[in-house]
Structure formats: C-alpha cells, structure tokens
Amino acid sequence: MPEKKLRVEFMTMTPDALSLIYAAFRQCYHAGFVADMWPKLLSGDIDPEVQADFVSKTMESGHDSPVEHVSMTFAVEGISRACSHQIVRHRIASYSQQSQRYVAENDMEFIMPPAIAKIPEARERFEQFMDEVQSAYSDLRGILVEHGRKSKANEDARFVLPQAAETKIVMTMNCRSLNHFFNLRCCNRAQWEVRAMADMMLDICKEKLPAIFANGGARCEQLGYCPESPKFACGKYPTREKI
C-alpha cells in the first residue's frame, strides 16, 4: 500500500486564448464589431505582444471579467480526499473525480502529511493505521461479495476509507476563477496540500498564458500587503492596519 506523490498535468485550454481574451476586452471599448477583427487576430496581423500588453494593462485597472471566456483543464493525481473536498468548494469549475464506488481500493494509495512523515513514531503509527484500513476494507468487500453484493460491494466497503486515501481528478476552470483560486490557495494560510497543488498549477498557467497569470498567486503578492486581519497574517507582508 504505497504513499502517493502529487502530480499535476496540463491537458488543454480554449484555442487562441490570448486573442479571444483580447477581442473580448476590445469589444468593451470598441465602437465596431470585434468579429470583423477576428481574422486579423488569427492571422497574426495584430502583434501578440500588443494583445498581451493591452490585456495586462486593462486587468491592472480591475477589469477582469473578459478572461472568463478562456478555460484551462488539468489532470491531478496524488491528492487526498481531504484535499479534493477543499477544491470542489470552488464552484465555478467542472470536476470529474475517480469514484470509490466503481474503482476498488484493493491496494489503496495514500497521502502522508509532511508533519507526520518527519516524526518516526508518527509515521510508523500512520502507516500501521493505513494497513489496518486496507485490511478492513478488503475483508468487508470480500464479505459483501460473498453475501450477494457483488459489484456493489465497493460502495459499502468504502465507508471505512480515510481522508488520506489518494484520489485523481480532472478539473476545468475559467481564467478568472483560476486567479481567484490562486489568490486563496497559494496563500501561506492555505492547507499545505492544496497550496502545493495550486503552486504547480500556477507555474503552468504562467507558462501558457503569462498575460493573465504573470502576477498570479496569493492576494498579498498583488496588493503589497496582507488583506487578512493581524490575527491571521503570516507576517510575509504588513497588514492593511499597519500601512
């Protein structure tokens, strides 16, 4: 029953993403019809650097709704059920998660918190419990099969599985939702696991669409101060009250 490591892979994004965002922004300030400009954008007649500069400067003004026209899709593995429960609270997104009902956990992989991993006696107890869980799951599943539950045995046996159980998801967010996700989940106050995942996603987004994500991350990185109250501030930036 192995420990699983985090992996984030980029899958796809809306085609011609920068040009689409540029066109959406321009329509807000342009008297004409941007569909007439679209062929020029696709052909490269309007320099992509000009597009990126216009988009970046417009976003700096606080106008960011046009970036909703572009979405990005990621595949993630090596996260715990505890982490996935946090992620799906971001509701302007689409998720497809590996099912414990249809996928048997015959060799359950798990996520171990670093704080537990670095203490030998804590690690030993954690791994011991994972073995106990695996044994209980396998026993219950076998008993249920013997008593006629057959393919439905998974859905009942899974009730003993822990939040540490590894899961896999495919997630799609539009760029505005992604920036909001990074504002919250790249913060030092975010739980370590979801923060590690958000940091990996942000690195990908910065590479794929720098005009939108170059300044992405925790909100304090953009503001230059911590928007939290002094009670919750991590100390990296001064709080609003101290400025």
C-alpha atoms as a PDB file:
ATOM      1  CA  MET A   1       0.000   0.000   0.000  1.00  0.00           C
ATOM      2  CA  PRO A   2       2.229   2.830  -1.274  1.00  0.00           C
ATOM      3  CA  GLU A   3       2.408   6.514  -0.452  1.00  0.00           C
ATOM      4  CA  LYS A   4       1.452   8.630  -3.457  1.00  0.00           C
ATOM      5  CA  LYS A   5       3.112  11.850  -4.617  1.00  0.00           C
ATOM      6  CA  LEU A   6       1.403  14.880  -6.143  1.00  0.00           C
ATOM      7  CA  ARG A   7       1.327  15.195  -9.925  1.00  0.00           C
ATOM      8  CA  VAL A   8      -0.330  17.998 -11.915  1.00  0.00           C
ATOM      9  CA  GLU A   9      -0.556  17.801 -15.708  1.00  0.00           C
ATOM     10  CA  PHE A  10      -1.899  20.396 -18.139  1.00  0.00           C
ATOM     11  CA  MET A  11      -4.424  18.894 -20.561  1.00  0.00           C
ATOM     12  CA  THR A  12      -5.875  21.637 -22.735  1.00  0.00           C
ATOM     13  CA  MET A  13      -7.154  25.187 -22.914  1.00  0.00           C
ATOM     14  CA  THR A  14      -9.501  27.249 -25.054  1.00  0.00           C
ATOM     15  CA  PRO A  15      -7.942  27.666 -28.527  1.00  0.00           C
ATOM     16  CA  ASP A  16      -6.478  31.063 -29.458  1.00  0.00           C
ATOM     17  CA  ALA A  17      -6.790  32.019 -25.808  1.00  0.00           C
ATOM     18  CA  LEU A  18      -4.911  35.330 -25.840  1.00  0.00           C
ATOM     19  CA  SER A  19      -6.647  36.563 -28.984  1.00  0.00           C
ATOM     20  CA  LEU A  20     -10.049  35.596 -27.618  1.00  0.00           C
ATOM     21  CA  ILE A  21      -9.441  37.484 -24.385  1.00  0.00           C
ATOM     22  CA  TYR A  22      -8.070  40.465 -26.310  1.00  0.00           C
ATOM     23  CA  ALA A  23     -11.146  40.522 -28.554  1.00  0.00           C
ATOM     24  CA  ALA A  24     -13.464  40.313 -25.544  1.00  0.00           C
ATOM     25  CA  PHE A  25     -11.685  43.206 -23.854  1.00  0.00           C
ATOM     26  CA  ARG A  26     -11.665  45.281 -27.038  1.00  0.00           C
ATOM     27  CA  GLN A  27     -15.398  44.793 -27.543  1.00  0.00           C
ATOM     28  CA  CYS A  28     -15.979  46.575 -24.240  1.00  0.00           C
ATOM     29  CA  TYR A  29     -14.211  49.710 -25.519  1.00  0.00           C
ATOM     30  CA  HIS A  30     -14.544  49.394 -29.298  1.00  0.00           C
ATOM     31  CA  ALA A  31     -17.366  51.015 -31.303  1.00  0.00           C
ATOM     32  CA  GLY A  32     -17.143  48.398 -34.035  1.00  0.00           C
ATOM     33  CA  PHE A  33     -17.819  44.662 -34.055  1.00  0.00           C
ATOM     34  CA  VAL A  34     -14.833  42.590 -32.920  1.00  0.00           C
ATOM     35  CA  ALA A  35     -15.844  39.683 -35.147  1.00  0.00           C
ATOM     36  CA  ASP A  36     -14.551  41.807 -38.035  1.00  0.00           C
ATOM     37  CA  MET A  37     -11.186  41.999 -36.261  1.00  0.00           C
ATOM     38  CA  TRP A  38     -11.062  38.266 -35.504  1.00  0.00           C
ATOM     39  CA  PRO A  39      -9.474  37.112 -38.809  1.00  0.00           C
ATOM     40  CA  LYS A  40      -6.652  39.622 -38.275  1.00  0.00           C
ATOM     41  CA  LEU A  41      -6.074  38.288 -34.783  1.00  0.00           C
ATOM     42  CA  LEU A  42      -5.890  34.712 -36.013  1.00  0.00           C
ATOM     43  CA  SER A  43      -3.564  35.584 -38.875  1.00  0.00           C
ATOM     44  CA  GLY A  44      -1.151  37.459 -36.608  1.00  0.00           C
ATOM     45  CA  ASP A  45      -1.746  40.840 -38.215  1.00  0.00           C
ATOM     46  CA  ILE A  46      -2.183  42.224 -34.701  1.00  0.00           C
ATOM     47  CA  ASP A  47       1.054  41.515 -32.842  1.00  0.00           C
ATOM     48  CA  PRO A  48       0.531  39.068 -29.940  1.00  0.00           C
ATOM     49  CA  GLU A  49       2.763  41.285 -27.791  1.00  0.00           C
ATOM     50  CA  VAL A  50       0.417  44.192 -28.428  1.00  0.00           C
ATOM     51  CA  GLN A  51      -2.515  41.994 -27.446  1.00  0.00           C
ATOM     52  CA  ALA A  52      -0.777  40.798 -24.282  1.00  0.00           C
ATOM     53  CA  ASP A  53       0.187  44.333 -23.258  1.00  0.00           C
ATOM     54  CA  PHE A  54      -3.372  45.607 -23.764  1.00  0.00           C
ATOM     55  CA  VAL A  55      -4.833  42.714 -21.761  1.00  0.00           C
ATOM     56  CA  SER A  56      -2.335  43.091 -18.901  1.00  0.00           C
ATOM     57  CA  LYS A  57      -2.839  46.847 -18.569  1.00  0.00           C
ATOM     58  CA  THR A  58      -6.618  46.532 -18.701  1.00  0.00           C
ATOM     59  CA  MET A  59      -6.578  43.876 -15.991  1.00  0.00           C
ATOM     60  CA  GLU A  60      -4.476  46.167 -13.802  1.00  0.00           C
ATOM     61  CA  SER A  61      -7.449  48.546 -13.759  1.00  0.00           C
ATOM     62  CA  GLY A  62      -9.532  45.851 -12.079  1.00  0.00           C
ATOM     63  CA  HIS A  63     -11.500  44.898 -15.186  1.00  0.00           C
ATOM     64  CA  ASP A  64     -11.096  41.125 -15.446  1.00  0.00           C
ATOM     65  CA  SER A  65     -14.464  39.622 -16.425  1.00  0.00           C
ATOM     66  CA  PRO A  66     -13.463  39.038 -20.112  1.00  0.00           C
ATOM     67  CA  VAL A  67     -10.906  36.430 -19.062  1.00  0.00           C
ATOM     68  CA  GLU A  68     -13.851  34.149 -18.220  1.00  0.00           C
ATOM     69  CA  HIS A  69     -14.070  33.342 -21.932  1.00  0.00           C
ATOM     70  CA  VAL A  70     -10.973  31.123 -21.645  1.00  0.00           C
ATOM     71  CA  SER A  71     -10.802  27.922 -19.618  1.00  0.00           C
ATOM     72  CA  MET A  72      -7.942  25.580 -18.756  1.00  0.00           C
ATOM     73  CA  THR A  73      -8.110  21.889 -17.892  1.00  0.00           C
ATOM     74  CA  PHE A  74      -5.764  19.982 -15.583  1.00  0.00           C
ATOM     75  CA  ALA A  75      -5.393  16.361 -14.540  1.00  0.00           C
ATOM     76  CA  VAL A  76      -4.298  15.872 -10.949  1.00  0.00           C
ATOM     77  CA  GLU A  77      -3.283  12.770  -9.038  1.00  0.00           C
ATOM     78  CA  GLY A  78      -1.668  12.216  -5.672  1.00  0.00           C
ATOM     79  CA  ILE A  79      -4.065  14.322  -3.647  1.00  0.00           C
ATOM     80  CA  SER A  80      -6.065  13.156  -0.672  1.00  0.00           C
ATOM     81  CA  ARG A  81      -9.814  13.081  -0.341  1.00  0.00           C
ATOM     82  CA  ALA A  82      -9.336  15.792   2.293  1.00  0.00           C
ATOM     83  CA  CYS A  83      -7.731  17.990  -0.366  1.00  0.00           C
ATOM     84  CA  SER A  84     -10.356  17.258  -3.020  1.00  0.00           C
ATOM     85  CA  HIS A  85     -13.097  18.296  -0.578  1.00  0.00           C
ATOM     86  CA  GLN A  86     -11.444  21.728  -0.383  1.00  0.00           C
ATOM     87  CA  ILE A  87     -11.005  22.039  -4.136  1.00  0.00           C
ATOM     88  CA  VAL A  88     -14.622  21.323  -5.046  1.00  0.00           C
ATOM     89  CA  ARG A  89     -15.723  24.231  -2.864  1.00  0.00           C
ATOM     90  CA  HIS A  90     -14.623  26.380  -5.801  1.00  0.00           C
ATOM     91  CA  ARG A  91     -17.967  26.144  -7.534  1.00  0.00           C
ATOM     92  CA  ILE A  92     -17.312  27.984 -10.803  1.00  0.00           C
ATOM     93  CA  ALA A  93     -15.486  24.972 -12.188  1.00  0.00           C
ATOM     94  CA  SER A  94     -16.065  21.485 -13.540  1.00  0.00           C
ATOM     95  CA  TYR A  95     -14.742  18.351 -11.862  1.00  0.00           C
ATOM     96  CA  SER A  96     -14.516  14.675 -12.743  1.00  0.00           C
ATOM     97  CA  GLN A  97     -13.232  12.615  -9.823  1.00  0.00           C
ATOM     98  CA  GLN A  98     -12.190   8.997  -9.563  1.00  0.00           C
ATOM     99  CA  SER A  99     -15.052   7.087  -7.970  1.00  0.00           C
ATOM    100  CA  GLN A 100     -14.552   4.907  -4.894  1.00  0.00           C
ATOM    101  CA  ARG A 101     -17.859   3.299  -5.811  1.00  0.00           C
ATOM    102  CA  TYR A 102     -16.695   1.947  -9.162  1.00  0.00           C
ATOM    103  CA  VAL A 103     -12.933   1.702  -8.567  1.00  0.00           C
ATOM    104  CA  ALA A 104     -11.972  -0.872  -5.946  1.00  0.00           C
ATOM    105  CA  GLU A 105      -9.321   0.194  -3.429  1.00  0.00           C
ATOM    106  CA  ASN A 106      -7.595  -3.197  -3.408  1.00  0.00           C
ATOM    107  CA  ASP A 107      -4.210  -1.531  -2.984  1.00  0.00           C
ATOM    108  CA  MET A 108      -5.125   1.845  -1.541  1.00  0.00           C
ATOM    109  CA  GLU A 109      -2.561   4.561  -2.124  1.00  0.00           C
ATOM    110  CA  PHE A 110      -2.444   7.350   0.431  1.00  0.00           C
ATOM    111  CA  ILE A 111      -1.138  10.838   1.139  1.00  0.00           C
ATOM    112  CA  MET A 112       1.002  11.368   4.234  1.00  0.00           C
ATOM    113  CA  PRO A 113       1.238  14.858   5.772  1.00  0.00           C
ATOM    114  CA  PRO A 114       4.866  16.081   5.945  1.00  0.00           C
ATOM    115  CA  ALA A 115       4.485  16.867   9.655  1.00  0.00           C
ATOM    116  CA  ILE A 116       3.723  13.189  10.268  1.00  0.00           C
ATOM    117  CA  ALA A 117       6.346  11.900   7.830  1.00  0.00           C
ATOM    118  CA  LYS A 118       9.231  13.651   9.606  1.00  0.00           C
ATOM    119  CA  ILE A 119       8.463  12.125  13.034  1.00  0.00           C
ATOM    120  CA  PRO A 120       9.431   8.433  13.005  1.00  0.00           C
ATOM    121  CA  GLU A 121       6.906   7.285  15.611  1.00  0.00           C
ATOM    122  CA  ALA A 122       4.106   9.303  13.967  1.00  0.00           C
ATOM    123  CA  ARG A 123       4.974   7.889  10.542  1.00  0.00           C
ATOM    124  CA  GLU A 124       5.024   4.358  11.906  1.00  0.00           C
ATOM    125  CA  ARG A 125       1.595   4.755  13.527  1.00  0.00           C
ATOM    126  CA  PHE A 126       0.155   6.370  10.396  1.00  0.00           C
ATOM    127  CA  GLU A 127       1.377   3.555   8.152  1.00  0.00           C
ATOM    128  CA  GLN A 128       0.129   0.991  10.646  1.00  0.00           C
ATOM    129  CA  PHE A 129      -3.334   2.517  10.514  1.00  0.00           C
ATOM    130  CA  MET A 130      -3.280   2.594   6.702  1.00  0.00           C
ATOM    131  CA  ASP A 131      -2.546  -1.151   6.797  1.00  0.00           C
ATOM    132  CA  GLU A 132      -5.443  -1.650   9.219  1.00  0.00           C
ATOM    133  CA  VAL A 133      -7.777   0.297   6.947  1.00  0.00           C
ATOM    134  CA  GLN A 134      -6.702  -1.707   3.907  1.00  0.00           C
ATOM    135  CA  SER A 135      -7.299  -4.939   5.796  1.00  0.00           C
ATOM    136  CA  ALA A 136     -10.739  -3.820   6.986  1.00  0.00           C
ATOM    137  CA  TYR A 137     -11.731  -2.642   3.509  1.00  0.00           C
ATOM    138  CA  SER A 138     -10.612  -5.868   1.850  1.00  0.00           C
ATOM    139  CA  ASP A 139     -12.332  -8.015   4.493  1.00  0.00           C
ATOM    140  CA  LEU A 140     -15.601  -6.094   4.271  1.00  0.00           C
ATOM    141  CA  ARG A 141     -15.566  -6.078   0.488  1.00  0.00           C
ATOM    142  CA  GLY A 142     -14.983  -9.835   0.430  1.00  0.00           C
ATOM    143  CA  ILE A 143     -17.772 -10.495   2.920  1.00  0.00           C
ATOM    144  CA  LEU A 144     -20.174  -8.306   0.958  1.00  0.00           C
ATOM    145  CA  VAL A 145     -19.356 -10.125  -2.272  1.00  0.00           C
ATOM    146  CA  GLU A 146     -19.996 -13.466  -0.563  1.00  0.00           C
ATOM    147  CA  HIS A 147     -23.385 -12.188   0.583  1.00  0.00           C
ATOM    148  CA  GLY A 148     -24.513 -11.169  -2.887  1.00  0.00           C
ATOM    149  CA  ARG A 149     -23.488  -7.509  -3.132  1.00  0.00           C
ATOM    150  CA  LYS A 150     -21.084  -8.385  -5.975  1.00  0.00           C
ATOM    151  CA  SER A 151     -20.237  -5.230  -7.948  1.00  0.00           C
ATOM    152  CA  LYS A 152     -21.941  -3.068  -5.318  1.00  0.00           C
ATOM    153  CA  ALA A 153     -19.550  -4.218  -2.583  1.00  0.00           C
ATOM    154  CA  ASN A 154     -17.257  -1.223  -3.272  1.00  0.00           C
ATOM    155  CA  GLU A 155     -19.915   1.348  -2.444  1.00  0.00           C
ATOM    156  CA  ASP A 156     -20.417  -0.069   1.060  1.00  0.00           C
ATOM    157  CA  ALA A 157     -16.846  -1.089   1.883  1.00  0.00           C
ATOM    158  CA  ARG A 158     -15.606   2.434   1.007  1.00  0.00           C
ATOM    159  CA  PHE A 159     -17.188   3.790   4.199  1.00  0.00           C
ATOM    160  CA  VAL A 160     -14.079   2.741   6.138  1.00  0.00           C
ATOM    161  CA  LEU A 161     -11.667   4.554   3.804  1.00  0.00           C
ATOM    162  CA  PRO A 162      -9.855   7.578   5.315  1.00  0.00           C
ATOM    163  CA  GLN A 163      -9.449  11.136   4.093  1.00  0.00           C
ATOM    164  CA  ALA A 164      -5.823  10.220   3.401  1.00  0.00           C
ATOM    165  CA  ALA A 165      -6.937   7.935   0.541  1.00  0.00           C
ATOM    166  CA  GLU A 166      -5.438   9.130  -2.750  1.00  0.00           C
ATOM    167  CA  THR A 167      -7.757  10.383  -5.465  1.00  0.00           C
ATOM    168  CA  LYS A 168      -7.483  11.626  -9.036  1.00  0.00           C
ATOM    169  CA  ILE A 169      -9.440  14.438 -10.661  1.00  0.00           C
ATOM    170  CA  VAL A 170      -9.815  16.331 -13.914  1.00  0.00           C
ATOM    171  CA  MET A 171     -10.701  19.962 -13.328  1.00  0.00           C
ATOM    172  CA  THR A 172     -11.582  22.830 -15.649  1.00  0.00           C
ATOM    173  CA  MET A 173     -11.738  26.482 -14.586  1.00  0.00           C
ATOM    174  CA  ASN A 174     -12.027  29.709 -16.490  1.00  0.00           C
ATOM    175  CA  CYS A 175      -9.131  32.116 -16.039  1.00  0.00           C
ATOM    176  CA  ARG A 176     -10.974  34.426 -13.691  1.00  0.00           C
ATOM    177  CA  SER A 177     -11.844  31.502 -11.411  1.00  0.00           C
ATOM    178  CA  LEU A 178      -8.266  30.281 -11.610  1.00  0.00           C
ATOM    179  CA  ASN A 179      -6.953  33.656 -10.455  1.00  0.00           C
ATOM    180  CA  HIS A 180      -9.389  33.584  -7.549  1.00  0.00           C
ATOM    181  CA  PHE A 181      -8.301  30.015  -6.764  1.00  0.00           C
ATOM    182  CA  PHE A 182      -4.654  31.125  -6.703  1.00  0.00           C
ATOM    183  CA  ASN A 183      -5.475  34.173  -4.548  1.00  0.00           C
ATOM    184  CA  LEU A 184      -6.788  31.862  -1.848  1.00  0.00           C
ATOM    185  CA  ARG A 185      -4.867  28.617  -2.256  1.00  0.00           C
ATOM    186  CA  CYS A 186      -1.359  29.980  -2.869  1.00  0.00           C
ATOM    187  CA  CYS A 187      -1.621  31.889   0.419  1.00  0.00           C
ATOM    188  CA  ASN A 188       0.605  30.682   3.263  1.00  0.00           C
ATOM    189  CA  ARG A 189      -2.539  30.187   5.315  1.00  0.00           C
ATOM    190  CA  ALA A 190      -3.893  27.618   2.867  1.00  0.00           C
ATOM    191  CA  GLN A 191      -3.547  23.956   3.808  1.00  0.00           C
ATOM    192  CA  TRP A 192      -0.148  22.603   2.701  1.00  0.00           C
ATOM    193  CA  GLU A 193      -1.523  20.057   0.239  1.00  0.00           C
ATOM    194  CA  VAL A 194      -3.889  22.284  -1.708  1.00  0.00           C
ATOM    195  CA  ARG A 195      -1.223  25.020  -1.695  1.00  0.00           C
ATOM    196  CA  ALA A 196       1.318  22.672  -3.291  1.00  0.00           C
ATOM    197  CA  MET A 197      -1.211  21.785  -5.970  1.00  0.00           C
ATOM    198  CA  ALA A 198      -2.124  25.442  -6.583  1.00  0.00           C
ATOM    199  CA  ASP A 199       1.560  26.397  -6.884  1.00  0.00           C
ATOM    200  CA  MET A 200       2.094  23.717  -9.550  1.00  0.00           C
ATOM    201  CA  MET A 201      -0.986  24.850 -11.458  1.00  0.00           C
ATOM    202  CA  LEU A 202       0.106  28.489 -11.281  1.00  0.00           C
ATOM    203  CA  ASP A 203       3.521  27.665 -12.751  1.00  0.00           C
ATOM    204  CA  ILE A 204       1.760  26.008 -15.699  1.00  0.00           C
ATOM    205  CA  CYS A 205      -0.633  28.930 -16.141  1.00  0.00           C
ATOM    206  CA  LYS A 206       2.223  31.450 -16.121  1.00  0.00           C
ATOM    207  CA  GLU A 207       3.909  29.484 -18.898  1.00  0.00           C
ATOM    208  CA  LYS A 208       0.766  29.003 -21.002  1.00  0.00           C
ATOM    209  CA  LEU A 209      -0.808  32.458 -20.623  1.00  0.00           C
ATOM    210  CA  PRO A 210       1.568  34.968 -18.999  1.00  0.00           C
ATOM    211  CA  ALA A 211      -0.558  37.982 -19.935  1.00  0.00           C
ATOM    212  CA  ILE A 212      -3.178  36.740 -17.486  1.00  0.00           C
ATOM    213  CA  PHE A 213      -1.148  34.939 -14.831  1.00  0.00           C
ATOM    214  CA  ALA A 214       2.248  36.680 -14.665  1.00  0.00           C
ATOM    215  CA  ASN A 215       1.214  38.358 -11.403  1.00  0.00           C
ATOM    216  CA  GLY A 216      -0.929  35.484 -10.177  1.00  0.00           C
ATOM    217  CA  GLY A 217      -0.664  33.962  -6.750  1.00  0.00           C
ATOM    218  CA  ALA A 218      -1.614  34.873  -3.221  1.00  0.00           C
ATOM    219  CA  ARG A 219      -3.534  38.145  -2.973  1.00  0.00           C
ATOM    220  CA  CYS A 220      -0.786  39.764  -0.916  1.00  0.00           C
ATOM    221  CA  GLU A 221       1.654  39.426  -3.837  1.00  0.00           C
ATOM    222  CA  GLN A 222      -0.542  41.744  -5.922  1.00  0.00           C
ATOM    223  CA  LEU A 223      -1.573  44.125  -3.157  1.00  0.00           C
ATOM    224  CA  GLY A 224       1.794  44.510  -1.442  1.00  0.00           C
ATOM    225  CA  TYR A 225       0.109  43.981   1.916  1.00  0.00           C
ATOM    226  CA  CYS A 226      -1.769  41.214   3.687  1.00  0.00           C
ATOM    227  CA  PRO A 227      -5.567  41.508   3.395  1.00  0.00           C
ATOM    228  CA  GLU A 228      -6.032  39.286   6.460  1.00  0.00           C
ATOM    229  CA  SER A 229      -6.558  40.656   9.938  1.00  0.00           C
ATOM    230  CA  PRO A 230      -3.441  40.769  12.155  1.00  0.00           C
ATOM    231  CA  LYS A 231      -4.687  37.642  13.928  1.00  0.00           C
ATOM    232  CA  PHE A 232      -4.392  35.574  10.749  1.00  0.00           C
ATOM    233  CA  ALA A 233      -1.489  37.267   8.917  1.00  0.00           C
ATOM    234  CA  CYS A 234       1.572  35.091   8.254  1.00  0.00           C
ATOM    235  CA  GLY A 235       3.988  38.027   8.531  1.00  0.00           C
ATOM    236  CA  LYS A 236       5.297  37.991   4.954  1.00  0.00           C
ATOM    237  CA  TYR A 237       3.664  41.348   4.240  1.00  0.00           C
ATOM    238  CA  PRO A 238       2.398  44.047   6.611  1.00  0.00           C
ATOM    239  CA  THR A 239      -1.345  44.052   7.205  1.00  0.00           C
ATOM    240  CA  ARG A 240      -3.652  46.804   5.968  1.00  0.00           C
ATOM    241  CA  GLU A 241      -3.829  48.209   9.506  1.00  0.00           C
ATOM    242  CA  LYS A 242      -0.061  48.696   9.627  1.00  0.00           C
ATOM    243  CA  ILE A 243       0.216  50.510   6.308  1.00  0.00           C
END
